[in-house]
Amino acid sequence: MLKIINLNFFFRTSNITGNLIFPEDVSFVMPGDSLELKIQLYKKAPLSLGLKVIMREGNLTIGAGVITELIS
């Protein structure tokens, strides 16, 4: 079952809404776990490899990461 969560993503000074798409074999993620995810943004943004990203839901930061691959 595919899990998709709608979040805000922060890149540099940009705040962009998008979807966080979990792999099919992942049912939950605990604090401190590392995971490779796909993010689908609702609008275009200037991104580059190695750029840091913060994931927020409301006022709560739920994750942080680094861009390792860009998919068109």
Protein backbone atom coordinates (compact mmCIF):
# COMPACT_ATOMS: atom_id res chain seq x y z
CA MET A 1 0.00 0.00 0.00
CA LEU A 2 1.44 3.37 -1.07
CA LYS A 3 1.63 5.98 1.69
CA ILE A 4 1.50 9.68 0.74
CA ILE A 5 1.60 12.59 3.20
CA ASN A 6 0.99 16.27 2.31
CA LEU A 7 3.63 18.58 3.90
CA ASN A 8 5.48 21.89 3.58
CA PHE A 9 9.07 21.66 2.35
CA PHE A 10 11.67 24.38 2.99
CA PHE A 11 14.60 24.82 0.58
CA ARG A 12 16.86 27.81 1.38
CA THR A 13 14.20 30.53 1.80
CA SER A 14 11.44 28.82 -0.24
CA ASN A 15 8.35 27.23 1.31
CA ILE A 16 6.73 24.79 -1.12
CA THR A 17 3.84 22.37 -0.52
CA GLY A 18 4.17 18.83 -1.80
CA ASN A 19 3.73 15.14 -1.15
CA LEU A 20 6.07 12.81 0.71
CA ILE A 21 5.92 9.35 -0.88
CA PHE A 22 7.08 6.42 1.25
CA PRO A 23 8.44 3.16 -0.19
CA GLU A 24 5.91 0.30 -0.28
CA ASP A 25 7.78 -1.81 2.31
CA VAL A 26 7.85 0.94 5.01
CA SER A 27 4.98 1.01 7.50
CA PHE A 28 6.43 3.65 9.91
CA VAL A 29 9.61 5.61 10.63
CA MET A 30 10.97 6.21 14.12
CA PRO A 31 13.09 9.19 15.27
CA GLY A 32 16.72 8.64 14.31
CA ASP A 33 15.90 6.32 11.39
CA SER A 34 17.33 7.02 7.93
CA LEU A 35 15.12 6.54 4.89
CA GLU A 36 15.21 7.27 1.17
CA LEU A 37 11.98 8.98 0.06
CA LYS A 38 10.46 10.63 -2.97
CA ILE A 39 9.04 14.15 -2.76
CA GLN A 40 6.58 15.46 -5.33
CA LEU A 41 6.36 19.27 -5.27
CA TYR A 42 3.21 21.16 -6.36
CA LYS A 43 5.19 23.87 -8.18
CA LYS A 44 8.63 24.27 -9.74
CA ALA A 45 11.60 25.32 -7.62
CA PRO A 46 15.34 25.80 -8.30
CA LEU A 47 16.87 22.70 -6.67
CA SER A 48 20.31 21.15 -6.82
CA LEU A 49 21.99 18.00 -5.55
CA GLY A 50 23.22 18.31 -1.98
CA LEU A 51 20.62 20.96 -1.08
CA LYS A 52 19.22 20.56 2.43
CA VAL A 53 15.46 20.26 2.94
CA ILE A 54 13.31 20.65 6.04
CA MET A 55 9.88 18.95 6.27
CA ARG A 56 7.22 20.62 8.39
CA GLU A 57 3.62 19.88 9.28
CA GLY A 58 2.05 23.03 10.70
CA ASN A 59 4.52 24.43 13.25
CA LEU A 60 6.19 21.06 13.84
CA THR A 61 9.42 20.05 12.09
CA ILE A 62 9.05 16.34 11.34
CA GLY A 63 12.17 15.70 9.29
CA ALA A 64 15.24 16.99 7.51
CA GLY A 65 17.32 15.65 4.69
CA VAL A 66 19.52 16.20 1.67
CA ILE A 67 18.59 15.97 -2.03
CA THR A 68 20.47 13.03 -3.57
CA GLU A 69 18.65 12.73 -6.90
CA LEU A 70 16.41 14.92 -9.08
CA ILE A 71 13.66 13.27 -11.16
CA SER A 72 11.77 15.21 -13.84
